[in-house]
C-alpha atoms as a PDB file:
ATOM      1  CA  UNK A   1      87.164 115.301  91.422  1.00  0.00           C
ATOM      2  CA  UNK A   2      89.621 114.399  94.189  1.00  0.00           C
ATOM      3  CA  UNK A   3      89.861 118.030  95.275  1.00  0.00           C
ATOM      4  CA  UNK A   4      86.070 118.288  95.465  1.00  0.00           C
ATOM      5  CA  UNK A   5      85.893 115.246  97.742  1.00  0.00           C
ATOM      6  CA  UNK A   6      88.633 116.666  99.952  1.00  0.00           C
ATOM      7  CA  UNK A   7      86.852 120.022 100.200  1.00  0.00           C
ATOM      8  CA  UNK A   8      83.645 118.260 101.242  1.00  0.00           C
ATOM      9  CA  UNK A   9      85.569 116.602 104.060  1.00  0.00           C
ATOM     10  CA  UNK A  10      86.868 120.006 105.142  1.00  0.00           C
ATOM     11  CA  UNK A  11      90.567 119.608 104.365  1.00  0.00           C
ATOM     12  CA  UNK A  12      93.182 121.830 102.786  1.00  0.00           C
ATOM     13  CA  UNK A  13      95.621 120.289 100.320  1.00  0.00           C
ATOM     14  CA  UNK A  14      99.210 120.999  99.331  1.00  0.00           C
ATOM     15  CA  UNK A  15     101.199 118.935  96.840  1.00  0.00           C
ATOM     16  CA  UNK A  16     104.773 118.767  95.673  1.00  0.00           C
ATOM     17  CA  UNK A  17     104.711 116.927  92.395  1.00  0.00           C
ATOM     18  CA  UNK A  18     107.808 115.442  90.769  1.00  0.00           C
ATOM     19  CA  UNK A  19     109.873 115.744  93.951  1.00  0.00           C
ATOM     20  CA  UNK A  20     113.350 114.370  93.321  1.00  0.00           C
ATOM     21  CA  UNK A  21     113.220 111.719  96.059  1.00  0.00           C
ATOM     22  CA  UNK A  22     112.051 108.131  95.883  1.00  0.00           C
ATOM     23  CA  UNK A  23     108.607 107.540  97.340  1.00  0.00           C
ATOM     24  CA  UNK A  24     109.939 104.710  99.520  1.00  0.00           C
ATOM     25  CA  UNK A  25     112.259 107.121 101.326  1.00  0.00           C
ATOM     26  CA  UNK A  26     109.599 109.820 101.563  1.00  0.00           C
ATOM     27  CA  UNK A  27     107.066 107.410 103.110  1.00  0.00           C
ATOM     28  CA  UNK A  28     109.278 107.058 106.189  1.00  0.00           C
ATOM     29  CA  UNK A  29     108.802 110.747 106.921  1.00  0.00           C
ATOM     30  CA  UNK A  30     105.106 110.703 105.957  1.00  0.00           C
ATOM     31  CA  UNK A  31     104.422 107.973 108.493  1.00  0.00           C
ATOM     32  CA  UNK A  32     106.129 109.968 111.233  1.00  0.00           C
ATOM     33  CA  UNK A  33     103.830 113.000 110.888  1.00  0.00           C
ATOM     34  CA  UNK A  34     100.521 111.460 109.768  1.00  0.00           C
ATOM     35  CA  UNK A  35      97.677 112.141 112.218  1.00  0.00           C
ATOM     36  CA  UNK A  36      99.608 114.641 114.330  1.00  0.00           C
ATOM     37  CA  UNK A  37      98.855 118.252 115.164  1.00  0.00           C
ATOM     38  CA  UNK A  38     100.443 120.699 112.750  1.00  0.00           C
ATOM     39  CA  UNK A  39     102.685 122.334 115.356  1.00  0.00           C
ATOM     40  CA  UNK A  40     103.933 118.940 116.590  1.00  0.00           C
ATOM     41  CA  UNK A  41     104.583 117.816 113.026  1.00  0.00           C
ATOM     42  CA  UNK A  42     106.668 120.929 112.301  1.00  0.00           C
ATOM     43  CA  UNK A  43     108.814 120.239 115.373  1.00  0.00           C
ATOM     44  CA  UNK A  44     109.283 116.623 114.318  1.00  0.00           C
ATOM     45  CA  UNK A  45     110.244 117.640 110.784  1.00  0.00           C
ATOM     46  CA  UNK A  46     112.849 120.058 112.172  1.00  0.00           C
ATOM     47  CA  UNK A  47     114.550 117.234 114.062  1.00  0.00           C
ATOM     48  CA  UNK A  48     114.291 114.331 111.614  1.00  0.00           C
ATOM     49  CA  UNK A  49     117.605 113.568 109.879  1.00  0.00           C
ATOM     50  CA  UNK A  50     116.008 112.179 106.707  1.00  0.00           C
ATOM     51  CA  UNK A  51     116.248 114.204 103.514  1.00  0.00           C
ATOM     52  CA  UNK A  52     112.496 113.872 102.956  1.00  0.00           C
ATOM     53  CA  UNK A  53     111.793 115.934 106.071  1.00  0.00           C
ATOM     54  CA  UNK A  54     112.826 119.132 104.269  1.00  0.00           C
ATOM     55  CA  UNK A  55     110.452 118.326 101.398  1.00  0.00           C
ATOM     56  CA  UNK A  56     107.539 117.626 103.738  1.00  0.00           C
ATOM     57  CA  UNK A  57     108.230 120.720 105.816  1.00  0.00           C
ATOM     58  CA  UNK A  58     107.758 122.925 102.752  1.00  0.00           C
ATOM     59  CA  UNK A  59     104.606 121.090 101.715  1.00  0.00           C
ATOM     60  CA  UNK A  60     103.172 121.271 105.245  1.00  0.00           C
ATOM     61  CA  UNK A  61     103.855 125.014 105.467  1.00  0.00           C
ATOM     62  CA  UNK A  62     102.083 125.432 102.130  1.00  0.00           C
ATOM     63  CA  UNK A  63      99.060 123.471 103.390  1.00  0.00           C
ATOM     64  CA  UNK A  64      98.944 125.661 106.504  1.00  0.00           C
ATOM     65  CA  UNK A  65      99.093 128.772 104.309  1.00  0.00           C
ATOM     66  CA  UNK A  66      96.239 127.386 102.186  1.00  0.00           C
ATOM     67  CA  UNK A  67      94.179 126.842 105.326  1.00  0.00           C
ATOM     68  CA  UNK A  68      94.930 130.326 106.634  1.00  0.00           C
ATOM     69  CA  UNK A  69      93.269 131.823 103.544  1.00  0.00           C
ATOM     70  CA  UNK A  70      89.942 130.776 105.074  1.00  0.00           C
ATOM     71  CA  UNK A  71      89.177 133.227 107.884  1.00  0.00           C
ATOM     72  CA  UNK A  72      87.017 130.740 109.782  1.00  0.00           C
ATOM     73  CA  UNK A  73      89.957 128.355 110.286  1.00  0.00           C
ATOM     74  CA  UNK A  74      92.053 128.380 113.450  1.00  0.00           C
ATOM     75  CA  UNK A  75      95.565 127.503 112.262  1.00  0.00           C
ATOM     76  CA  UNK A  76      96.583 126.197 115.701  1.00  0.00           C
ATOM     77  CA  UNK A  77      93.672 123.714 115.634  1.00  0.00           C
ATOM     78  CA  UNK A  78      94.835 121.971 112.447  1.00  0.00           C
ATOM     79  CA  UNK A  79      96.060 118.396 112.236  1.00  0.00           C
ATOM     80  CA  UNK A  80      97.411 116.282 109.382  1.00  0.00           C
ATOM     81  CA  UNK A  81      94.497 114.159 108.236  1.00  0.00           C
ATOM     82  CA  UNK A  82      96.411 112.559 105.360  1.00  0.00           C
ATOM     83  CA  UNK A  83     100.039 112.504 104.311  1.00  0.00           C
ATOM     84  CA  UNK A  84     101.259 110.403 101.424  1.00  0.00           C
ATOM     85  CA  UNK A  85     104.073 109.835  98.967  1.00  0.00           C
ATOM     86  CA  UNK A  86     102.988 108.408  95.634  1.00  0.00           C
ATOM     87  CA  UNK A  87     105.264 107.195  92.866  1.00  0.00           C
ATOM     88  CA  UNK A  88     106.106 109.708  90.171  1.00  0.00           C
ATOM     89  CA  UNK A  89     107.704 109.053  86.807  1.00  0.00           C
ATOM     90  CA  UNK A  90     111.387 108.357  86.404  1.00  0.00           C
ATOM     91  CA  UNK A  91     113.466 111.391  85.599  1.00  0.00           C
ATOM     92  CA  UNK A  92     113.239 111.987  81.832  1.00  0.00           C
ATOM     93  CA  UNK A  93     111.120 108.801  81.642  1.00  0.00           C
ATOM     94  CA  UNK A  94     114.059 106.486  81.116  1.00  0.00           C
ATOM     95  CA  UNK A  95     116.590 104.290  82.850  1.00  0.00           C
ATOM     96  CA  UNK A  96     120.196 105.380  83.076  1.00  0.00           C
ATOM     97  CA  UNK A  97     123.208 103.106  82.924  1.00  0.00           C
ATOM     98  CA  UNK A  98     126.477 102.867  84.765  1.00  0.00           C
ATOM     99  CA  UNK A  99     129.390 100.552  84.075  1.00  0.00           C
ATOM    100  CA  UNK A 100     129.108  97.067  85.517  1.00  0.00           C
ATOM    101  CA  UNK A 101     131.514  94.174  85.804  1.00  0.00           C
ATOM    102  CA  UNK A 102     132.993  92.521  82.711  1.00  0.00           C
ATOM    103  CA  UNK A 103     131.892  95.293  80.359  1.00  0.00           C
ATOM    104  CA  UNK A 104     128.189  95.061  81.192  1.00  0.00           C
ATOM    105  CA  UNK A 105     125.852  97.989  81.687  1.00  0.00           C
ATOM    106  CA  UNK A 106     123.934  98.172  84.971  1.00  0.00           C
ATOM    107  CA  UNK A 107     120.658 100.138  84.875  1.00  0.00           C
ATOM    108  CA  UNK A 108     119.506 102.489  87.605  1.00  0.00           C
ATOM    109  CA  UNK A 109     116.465 104.719  87.895  1.00  0.00           C
ATOM    110  CA  UNK A 110     116.353 108.309  89.096  1.00  0.00           C
ATOM    111  CA  UNK A 111     112.968 108.223  90.770  1.00  0.00           C
ATOM    112  CA  UNK A 112     110.531 111.007  91.560  1.00  0.00           C
ATOM    113  CA  UNK A 113     107.482 111.118  93.809  1.00  0.00           C
ATOM    114  CA  UNK A 114     104.342 113.140  94.419  1.00  0.00           C
ATOM    115  CA  UNK A 115     104.116 114.352  98.023  1.00  0.00           C
ATOM    116  CA  UNK A 116     100.660 115.254  99.359  1.00  0.00           C
ATOM    117  CA  UNK A 117      99.663 116.738 102.715  1.00  0.00           C
ATOM    118  CA  UNK A 118      96.030 117.285 103.716  1.00  0.00           C
ATOM    119  CA  UNK A 119      95.304 119.272 106.871  1.00  0.00           C
ATOM    120  CA  UNK A 120      91.908 119.607 108.547  1.00  0.00           C
ATOM    121  CA  UNK A 121      90.511 121.224 111.658  1.00  0.00           C
ATOM    122  CA  UNK A 122      90.579 118.940 114.685  1.00  0.00           C
ATOM    123  CA  UNK A 123      87.426 120.520 116.143  1.00  0.00           C
ATOM    124  CA  UNK A 124      85.426 119.604 113.018  1.00  0.00           C
ATOM    125  CA  UNK A 125      86.354 115.944 113.385  1.00  0.00           C
ATOM    126  CA  UNK A 126      85.817 115.958 117.172  1.00  0.00           C
ATOM    127  CA  UNK A 127      82.199 117.093 116.824  1.00  0.00           C
ATOM    128  CA  UNK A 128      81.532 114.498 114.124  1.00  0.00           C
ATOM    129  CA  UNK A 129      82.993 111.657 116.195  1.00  0.00           C
ATOM    130  CA  UNK A 130      81.056 112.709 119.318  1.00  0.00           C
ATOM    131  CA  UNK A 131      77.823 112.737 117.294  1.00  0.00           C
ATOM    132  CA  UNK A 132      78.659 109.257 116.018  1.00  0.00           C
ATOM    133  CA  UNK A 133      79.332 108.053 119.567  1.00  0.00           C
ATOM    134  CA  UNK A 134      75.990 109.434 120.759  1.00  0.00           C
ATOM    135  CA  UNK A 135      74.192 107.709 117.896  1.00  0.00           C
ATOM    136  CA  UNK A 136      75.914 104.420 118.733  1.00  0.00           C
ATOM    137  CA  UNK A 137      74.918 104.668 122.403  1.00  0.00           C
ATOM    138  CA  UNK A 138      71.246 105.373 121.617  1.00  0.00           C
END
């Protein structure tokens, strides 16, 4: 159902599920590229020092490849309409333990996340917003 809604909006989706990075760390990178042109976002991802940038670069390239399958899409006109990092399950669905002080066990979680990038054509949104502006002025 989500994919059908996204297709109606004219976007192309790529996901990396169960990525071995916490969603909190991945959201820093997602916020840096959200709403930008695809070419600008790729340059930013090349230069970001965060580990999540490599994950998002692969997902973004996959979304661009998905969009290029449609012959009516200009790849250079794409922008990132949505970019998110949702929580995934813990690795093997359990906490792990490391030694703590005074013989105690201290739990820690190996977290995963679901990374999603949705790209859409900028020209499609520009025509819609100009039509909305004309309707508001009338």
